N, C-alpha and C. Protein backbone atom coordinates (compact mmCIF):
# COMPACT_ATOMS: atom_id res chain seq x y z
N UNK A 1 14.49 22.23 -79.01
CA UNK A 1 15.03 21.33 -78.12
C UNK A 1 16.44 21.69 -77.80
N UNK A 2 16.72 21.65 -76.33
CA UNK A 2 18.03 22.19 -75.74
C UNK A 2 19.01 21.29 -75.85
N UNK A 3 20.30 21.59 -75.98
CA UNK A 3 21.41 20.78 -76.07
C UNK A 3 22.15 20.82 -74.71
N UNK A 4 21.41 21.30 -73.61
CA UNK A 4 22.08 21.34 -72.31
C UNK A 4 22.42 20.07 -71.70
N UNK A 5 23.84 19.93 -71.24
CA UNK A 5 24.30 18.99 -70.30
C UNK A 5 23.81 19.16 -68.85
N UNK A 6 23.16 18.04 -68.24
CA UNK A 6 22.99 18.15 -66.90
C UNK A 6 24.33 17.98 -66.00
N UNK A 7 24.85 19.42 -65.70
CA UNK A 7 26.08 19.24 -64.96
C UNK A 7 26.15 19.24 -63.63
N UNK A 8 24.86 19.15 -63.04
CA UNK A 8 24.78 19.20 -61.55
C UNK A 8 24.58 17.61 -61.15
N UNK A 9 24.70 16.77 -61.74
CA UNK A 9 24.85 15.35 -61.47
C UNK A 9 26.14 14.67 -61.86
N UNK A 10 26.57 14.19 -60.36
CA UNK A 10 27.84 13.63 -60.39
C UNK A 10 27.78 12.27 -60.12
N UNK A 11 28.80 11.52 -60.95
CA UNK A 11 28.83 10.19 -60.98
C UNK A 11 30.06 9.93 -60.10
N UNK A 12 29.93 9.15 -58.95
CA UNK A 12 31.00 8.73 -58.02
C UNK A 12 31.20 7.20 -58.35
N UNK A 13 32.52 6.93 -58.30
CA UNK A 13 33.07 5.68 -58.45
C UNK A 13 33.94 5.13 -57.34
N UNK A 14 34.15 3.85 -57.29
CA UNK A 14 35.01 3.32 -56.27
C UNK A 14 36.40 3.44 -56.56
N UNK A 15 37.47 3.06 -55.82
CA UNK A 15 38.91 3.34 -56.00
C UNK A 15 39.46 2.70 -57.23
N UNK A 16 38.65 2.20 -58.45
CA UNK A 16 39.31 1.60 -59.42
C UNK A 16 40.34 2.64 -60.26
N UNK A 17 41.32 2.10 -60.70
CA UNK A 17 42.31 2.85 -61.65
C UNK A 17 41.71 2.92 -63.03
N UNK A 18 41.86 4.06 -63.63
CA UNK A 18 41.29 4.34 -64.92
C UNK A 18 42.52 4.51 -65.68
N UNK A 19 42.80 3.73 -66.87
CA UNK A 19 44.02 4.03 -67.72
C UNK A 19 43.61 4.28 -69.19
N UNK A 20 44.33 5.15 -69.56
CA UNK A 20 44.03 5.53 -71.15
C UNK A 20 45.44 5.70 -71.72
N UNK A 21 45.66 5.32 -72.92
CA UNK A 21 46.69 5.66 -73.62
C UNK A 21 46.50 6.47 -74.98
N UNK A 22 47.34 7.52 -75.31
CA UNK A 22 47.07 8.25 -76.65
C UNK A 22 48.16 8.41 -77.46
N UNK A 23 48.10 8.84 -78.73
CA UNK A 23 49.24 9.18 -79.61
C UNK A 23 49.39 10.65 -79.07
N UNK A 24 50.43 11.15 -79.93
CA UNK A 24 51.06 12.44 -79.69
C UNK A 24 50.05 13.56 -79.75
N UNK A 25 48.89 13.36 -80.42
CA UNK A 25 47.67 14.25 -80.77
C UNK A 25 46.71 14.04 -79.75
N UNK A 26 46.77 13.22 -79.02
CA UNK A 26 45.45 12.90 -78.07
C UNK A 26 44.59 12.16 -78.56
N UNK A 27 44.85 11.19 -79.47
CA UNK A 27 43.77 10.37 -80.09
C UNK A 27 44.02 8.86 -79.23
N UNK A 28 43.09 8.45 -78.88
CA UNK A 28 42.77 7.31 -77.80
C UNK A 28 43.34 6.04 -78.57
N UNK A 29 44.17 5.40 -77.98
CA UNK A 29 44.61 3.95 -78.68
C UNK A 29 44.51 2.99 -77.70
N UNK A 30 44.20 3.27 -76.51
CA UNK A 30 43.83 2.25 -75.58
C UNK A 30 43.07 2.80 -74.40
N UNK A 31 42.22 1.93 -73.79
CA UNK A 31 41.56 2.22 -72.38
C UNK A 31 41.37 0.82 -71.70
N UNK A 32 41.27 1.07 -70.40
CA UNK A 32 41.00 -0.27 -69.65
C UNK A 32 39.78 -0.32 -69.29
N UNK A 33 39.09 -1.48 -68.99
CA UNK A 33 37.89 -1.81 -68.72
C UNK A 33 37.18 -0.79 -67.73
N UNK A 34 37.98 -0.51 -66.60
CA UNK A 34 37.42 0.61 -65.66
C UNK A 34 37.17 1.75 -66.24
N UNK A 35 38.08 2.21 -67.18
CA UNK A 35 37.85 3.65 -67.98
C UNK A 35 36.60 3.56 -68.66
N UNK A 36 36.25 2.39 -69.33
CA UNK A 36 34.94 2.41 -69.95
C UNK A 36 33.82 2.47 -69.06
N UNK A 37 33.79 1.59 -68.14
CA UNK A 37 32.90 1.61 -66.94
C UNK A 37 32.50 3.05 -66.41
N UNK A 38 33.59 3.75 -66.04
CA UNK A 38 33.30 5.10 -65.36
C UNK A 38 33.00 6.07 -66.39
N UNK A 39 33.45 6.04 -67.85
CA UNK A 39 33.06 7.04 -68.67
C UNK A 39 31.78 6.74 -69.50
N UNK A 40 31.23 5.54 -69.30
CA UNK A 40 30.00 4.99 -69.98
C UNK A 40 30.14 4.79 -71.38
N UNK A 41 31.36 4.77 -71.88
CA UNK A 41 31.71 4.51 -73.43
C UNK A 41 32.06 3.05 -73.62
N UNK A 42 31.90 2.56 -74.76
CA UNK A 42 32.38 1.22 -75.04
C UNK A 42 33.86 1.50 -75.57
N UNK A 43 34.64 0.51 -75.54
CA UNK A 43 35.91 0.66 -76.19
C UNK A 43 36.01 0.87 -77.44
N UNK A 44 35.24 0.47 -78.20
CA UNK A 44 35.14 0.89 -79.67
C UNK A 44 34.51 2.40 -80.19
N UNK A 45 33.85 2.77 -78.92
CA UNK A 45 33.49 4.22 -79.27
C UNK A 45 34.66 5.28 -78.84
N UNK A 46 35.55 4.73 -78.10
CA UNK A 46 36.75 5.50 -77.69
C UNK A 46 37.87 5.61 -78.48
N UNK A 47 38.39 4.32 -78.90
CA UNK A 47 39.35 4.11 -79.71
C UNK A 47 39.47 4.95 -80.95
N UNK A 48 40.38 5.58 -81.37
CA UNK A 48 40.39 6.57 -82.49
C UNK A 48 39.64 7.97 -82.32
N UNK A 49 39.29 8.23 -81.11
CA UNK A 49 38.80 9.59 -80.91
C UNK A 49 39.70 10.23 -80.13
N UNK A 50 39.54 11.84 -80.24
CA UNK A 50 40.31 12.46 -79.32
C UNK A 50 40.04 12.53 -77.74
N UNK A 51 40.82 12.50 -77.09
CA UNK A 51 40.59 12.22 -75.50
C UNK A 51 39.56 13.43 -75.08
N UNK A 52 39.51 14.61 -75.92
CA UNK A 52 38.82 15.72 -75.73
C UNK A 52 37.19 15.31 -75.60
N UNK A 53 36.91 14.23 -76.05
CA UNK A 53 35.49 13.66 -76.21
C UNK A 53 34.89 13.64 -74.84
N UNK A 54 35.58 13.66 -73.75
CA UNK A 54 35.16 13.71 -72.32
C UNK A 54 35.31 15.02 -71.54
N UNK A 55 35.85 15.94 -72.43
CA UNK A 55 36.16 17.34 -71.74
C UNK A 55 34.61 17.95 -71.37
N UNK A 56 34.73 18.12 -70.33
CA UNK A 56 33.47 18.99 -69.49
C UNK A 56 33.50 20.34 -69.87
N UNK A 57 32.46 20.94 -70.03
CA UNK A 57 32.55 22.36 -70.25
C UNK A 57 32.87 23.45 -69.24
N UNK A 58 32.67 22.80 -68.14
CA UNK A 58 33.40 23.56 -66.93
C UNK A 58 34.96 23.51 -66.65
N UNK A 59 35.46 22.83 -67.60
CA UNK A 59 37.02 22.78 -67.67
C UNK A 59 37.84 23.81 -68.45
N UNK A 60 38.53 24.76 -67.76
CA UNK A 60 39.18 25.85 -68.56
C UNK A 60 40.15 25.21 -69.60
N UNK A 61 39.98 25.94 -70.63
CA UNK A 61 41.00 25.66 -71.71
C UNK A 61 42.39 25.92 -71.34
N UNK A 62 42.83 26.94 -70.50
CA UNK A 62 44.01 27.16 -70.11
C UNK A 62 44.53 26.01 -69.31
N UNK A 63 43.74 25.21 -68.45
CA UNK A 63 44.37 23.95 -67.69
C UNK A 63 45.09 23.03 -68.59
N UNK A 64 44.38 22.94 -69.71
CA UNK A 64 44.71 21.81 -70.83
C UNK A 64 46.00 22.32 -71.58
N UNK A 65 45.88 23.58 -71.79
CA UNK A 65 47.08 24.31 -72.66
C UNK A 65 48.49 24.15 -71.69
N UNK A 66 48.11 24.08 -70.46
CA UNK A 66 49.35 24.08 -69.35
C UNK A 66 49.75 22.49 -69.51
N UNK A 67 48.73 21.58 -69.24
CA UNK A 67 48.94 20.22 -69.28
C UNK A 67 49.79 19.83 -70.61
N UNK A 68 49.15 20.13 -71.71
CA UNK A 68 49.96 19.98 -73.17
C UNK A 68 51.29 20.36 -73.22
N UNK A 69 51.68 21.51 -72.72
CA UNK A 69 52.88 22.22 -72.85
C UNK A 69 53.92 21.36 -71.94
N UNK A 70 53.41 20.92 -70.86
CA UNK A 70 54.24 20.00 -70.07
C UNK A 70 54.58 18.71 -70.53
N UNK A 71 53.42 17.90 -70.90
CA UNK A 71 53.78 16.61 -71.44
C UNK A 71 54.56 16.62 -72.75
N UNK A 72 54.34 17.52 -73.58
CA UNK A 72 55.00 17.63 -74.93
C UNK A 72 56.34 17.94 -74.65
N UNK A 73 56.94 18.44 -73.59
CA UNK A 73 58.20 18.53 -73.35
C UNK A 73 58.85 17.48 -72.75
N UNK A 74 58.08 16.48 -72.55
CA UNK A 74 58.64 15.09 -72.01
C UNK A 74 58.46 14.79 -70.48
N UNK A 75 57.73 15.92 -69.85
CA UNK A 75 57.48 15.75 -68.46
C UNK A 75 56.15 15.33 -68.21
N UNK A 76 56.11 14.74 -66.91
CA UNK A 76 54.99 14.18 -66.34
C UNK A 76 54.14 15.41 -65.83
N UNK A 77 52.77 15.18 -65.88
CA UNK A 77 51.68 16.25 -65.31
C UNK A 77 50.61 15.58 -64.43
N UNK A 78 50.59 16.33 -63.25
CA UNK A 78 49.49 15.79 -62.21
C UNK A 78 48.43 16.97 -62.04
N UNK A 79 47.17 16.61 -62.05
CA UNK A 79 46.09 17.51 -61.66
C UNK A 79 44.77 16.80 -61.64
N UNK A 80 43.87 17.60 -61.30
CA UNK A 80 42.53 17.27 -61.15
C UNK A 80 41.60 17.67 -62.39
N UNK A 81 40.89 16.75 -62.90
CA UNK A 81 40.18 17.02 -64.19
C UNK A 81 38.69 16.49 -63.86
N UNK A 82 37.74 17.40 -64.47
CA UNK A 82 36.29 16.99 -64.44
C UNK A 82 36.03 16.46 -65.79
N UNK A 83 35.59 15.25 -65.82
CA UNK A 83 35.41 14.67 -67.06
C UNK A 83 33.69 14.47 -67.32
N UNK A 84 33.21 14.38 -68.55
CA UNK A 84 32.02 14.15 -68.96
C UNK A 84 31.66 12.80 -69.30
N UNK A 85 30.92 12.16 -68.74
CA UNK A 85 30.44 10.82 -69.25
C UNK A 85 29.76 10.92 -70.50
N UNK A 86 29.39 9.68 -71.22
CA UNK A 86 28.68 9.74 -72.22
C UNK A 86 27.07 10.09 -71.83
N UNK A 87 26.67 9.70 -70.89
CA UNK A 87 25.19 9.69 -70.29
C UNK A 87 25.10 11.45 -69.78
N UNK A 88 26.17 12.25 -69.83
CA UNK A 88 25.87 13.62 -69.35
C UNK A 88 26.35 13.99 -67.98
N UNK A 89 26.49 12.67 -67.17
CA UNK A 89 26.87 13.02 -65.74
C UNK A 89 28.36 13.25 -65.76
N UNK A 90 28.84 13.69 -64.62
CA UNK A 90 30.38 14.03 -64.71
C UNK A 90 30.99 13.22 -63.54
N UNK A 91 32.55 13.18 -63.67
CA UNK A 91 33.23 12.47 -62.62
C UNK A 91 34.58 13.49 -62.36
N UNK A 92 35.15 13.40 -61.38
CA UNK A 92 36.34 14.07 -61.08
C UNK A 92 37.39 13.02 -60.84
N UNK A 93 38.55 13.24 -61.44
CA UNK A 93 39.77 12.34 -61.21
C UNK A 93 40.98 13.07 -61.20
N UNK A 94 41.82 12.31 -60.12
CA UNK A 94 43.10 12.83 -60.12
C UNK A 94 44.02 12.07 -60.96
N UNK A 95 44.55 12.92 -61.83
CA UNK A 95 45.40 12.36 -63.12
C UNK A 95 46.82 12.67 -63.11
N UNK A 96 47.35 11.52 -63.60
CA UNK A 96 48.94 11.38 -63.80
C UNK A 96 49.15 11.13 -65.23
N UNK A 97 49.78 12.05 -66.00
CA UNK A 97 49.99 11.85 -67.34
C UNK A 97 51.42 11.59 -67.51
N UNK A 98 51.91 10.46 -68.18
CA UNK A 98 53.41 10.36 -68.50
C UNK A 98 53.75 10.06 -69.98
N UNK A 99 54.62 10.70 -70.32
CA UNK A 99 54.98 10.61 -71.88
C UNK A 99 55.65 9.22 -72.02
N UNK A 100 55.24 8.56 -73.16
CA UNK A 100 55.80 7.34 -73.62
C UNK A 100 56.90 7.70 -74.41
N UNK A 101 58.37 7.22 -74.18
CA UNK A 101 59.48 7.58 -74.87
C UNK A 101 60.01 6.31 -75.48
N UNK A 102 60.43 6.45 -76.68
CA UNK A 102 61.09 5.40 -77.46
C UNK A 102 62.57 5.25 -76.71
N UNK A 103 63.36 4.15 -77.40
CA UNK A 103 64.86 4.23 -76.86
C UNK A 103 65.70 5.26 -77.16
N UNK A 104 65.28 6.26 -77.90
CA UNK A 104 66.16 7.56 -78.14
C UNK A 104 65.75 8.48 -77.35
N UNK A 105 64.64 8.33 -76.51
CA UNK A 105 64.27 9.30 -75.59
C UNK A 105 63.23 10.25 -76.34
N UNK A 106 62.50 9.89 -77.53
CA UNK A 106 61.68 10.78 -78.11
C UNK A 106 60.40 10.38 -77.58
N UNK A 107 59.45 11.52 -77.40
CA UNK A 107 58.09 11.20 -77.01
C UNK A 107 57.22 10.51 -78.25
N UNK A 108 56.87 9.41 -78.06
CA UNK A 108 55.76 8.89 -78.89
C UNK A 108 54.40 8.72 -78.62
N UNK A 109 53.96 9.02 -77.24
CA UNK A 109 52.60 9.08 -76.84
C UNK A 109 52.60 9.48 -75.46
N UNK A 110 51.45 9.13 -74.96
CA UNK A 110 51.07 9.38 -73.61
C UNK A 110 50.25 8.42 -72.85
N UNK A 111 50.53 8.16 -71.70
CA UNK A 111 49.74 7.17 -70.64
C UNK A 111 48.92 8.02 -69.56
N UNK A 112 47.90 7.96 -69.47
CA UNK A 112 47.12 8.44 -68.19
C UNK A 112 46.75 7.54 -67.14
N UNK A 113 46.86 7.80 -65.97
CA UNK A 113 46.32 6.86 -64.90
C UNK A 113 45.64 7.89 -64.01
N UNK A 114 44.55 7.54 -63.74
CA UNK A 114 43.53 8.21 -62.87
C UNK A 114 42.83 7.35 -61.75
N UNK A 115 42.51 8.30 -60.63
CA UNK A 115 41.96 7.52 -59.54
C UNK A 115 40.66 8.74 -59.09
N UNK A 116 39.90 8.26 -58.26
CA UNK A 116 38.69 9.28 -57.91
C UNK A 116 39.36 10.46 -56.97
N UNK A 117 39.04 11.62 -57.31
CA UNK A 117 39.62 12.80 -56.64
C UNK A 117 38.72 13.12 -55.24
N UNK A 118 39.67 13.31 -54.28
CA UNK A 118 39.09 13.69 -53.01
C UNK A 118 38.24 14.86 -52.92
N UNK A 119 37.10 14.97 -52.05
CA UNK A 119 36.33 16.15 -51.94
C UNK A 119 37.03 17.37 -51.73
N UNK A 120 38.05 17.20 -50.71
CA UNK A 120 38.81 18.27 -50.32
C UNK A 120 39.64 18.90 -51.71
N UNK A 121 40.16 17.98 -52.31
CA UNK A 121 40.96 18.72 -53.60
C UNK A 121 40.00 19.17 -54.54
N UNK A 122 38.69 18.57 -54.87
CA UNK A 122 37.74 19.08 -55.78
C UNK A 122 37.35 20.44 -55.16
N UNK A 123 36.97 20.63 -54.16
CA UNK A 123 36.81 22.16 -53.55
C UNK A 123 37.85 23.06 -53.86
N UNK A 124 38.86 22.67 -53.54
CA UNK A 124 39.95 23.60 -53.77
C UNK A 124 40.17 23.89 -55.24
N UNK A 125 39.93 23.17 -56.06
CA UNK A 125 40.44 23.31 -57.57
C UNK A 125 39.26 24.11 -58.20
N UNK A 126 37.98 23.66 -57.84
CA UNK A 126 36.75 24.39 -58.38
C UNK A 126 37.06 25.97 -58.52
N UNK A 127 37.49 26.39 -57.24
CA UNK A 127 37.54 27.96 -57.32
C UNK A 127 38.52 28.42 -58.28
N UNK A 128 39.69 27.70 -58.46
CA UNK A 128 40.63 28.03 -59.46
C UNK A 128 40.29 27.99 -60.77
N UNK A 129 39.39 26.89 -61.09
CA UNK A 129 38.97 26.70 -62.50
C UNK A 129 37.87 27.63 -62.91
N UNK A 130 37.11 27.89 -61.72
CA UNK A 130 36.12 28.98 -62.14
C UNK A 130 36.64 30.40 -62.38
N UNK A 131 37.91 30.69 -61.67
CA UNK A 131 38.48 32.13 -62.05
C UNK A 131 39.03 31.86 -63.46
N UNK A 132 39.72 30.84 -63.85
CA UNK A 132 40.23 30.80 -65.33
C UNK A 132 39.18 30.73 -66.37
N UNK A 133 37.85 30.04 -66.08
CA UNK A 133 36.78 30.25 -67.08
C UNK A 133 36.41 31.52 -67.29
N UNK A 134 36.31 32.41 -66.08
CA UNK A 134 36.01 33.83 -66.07
C UNK A 134 37.01 34.59 -66.84
N UNK A 135 38.16 34.53 -66.92
CA UNK A 135 39.23 35.02 -67.77
C UNK A 135 38.82 34.49 -69.25
N UNK A 136 38.57 33.33 -69.65
CA UNK A 136 38.38 32.98 -70.90
C UNK A 136 37.15 33.35 -71.37
N UNK A 137 36.27 33.96 -70.77
CA UNK A 137 34.86 34.41 -71.40
C UNK A 137 35.15 35.88 -72.00
């Protein structure tokens, strides 16, 4: 029995904003209703899980390494991400991740806001991600 994920089927959603919040290690502590609807996970299936539960196999590790480097330093990060739904479909999102800081300026977690990515931006980033994946192989 094959464990292959159908990666040629895209899930397209409306302009709803998807929100998630994680701790410093990327463990999910909050998701909004839209996030659950688009990802096909229930809230209790996501809370306590690593955000990488939705990592699509066609996303290069280097893209996430750059993202983590930036947000861990207390800076915001913006980019396009291809996420994997629970049912095996995927969806593209324009993502902004902001560090959450306490009163002393120490980063205590992260909040991410996502919206549907445009076709133009997806086509542009797919080539870049493919080159990055080739380097990782």
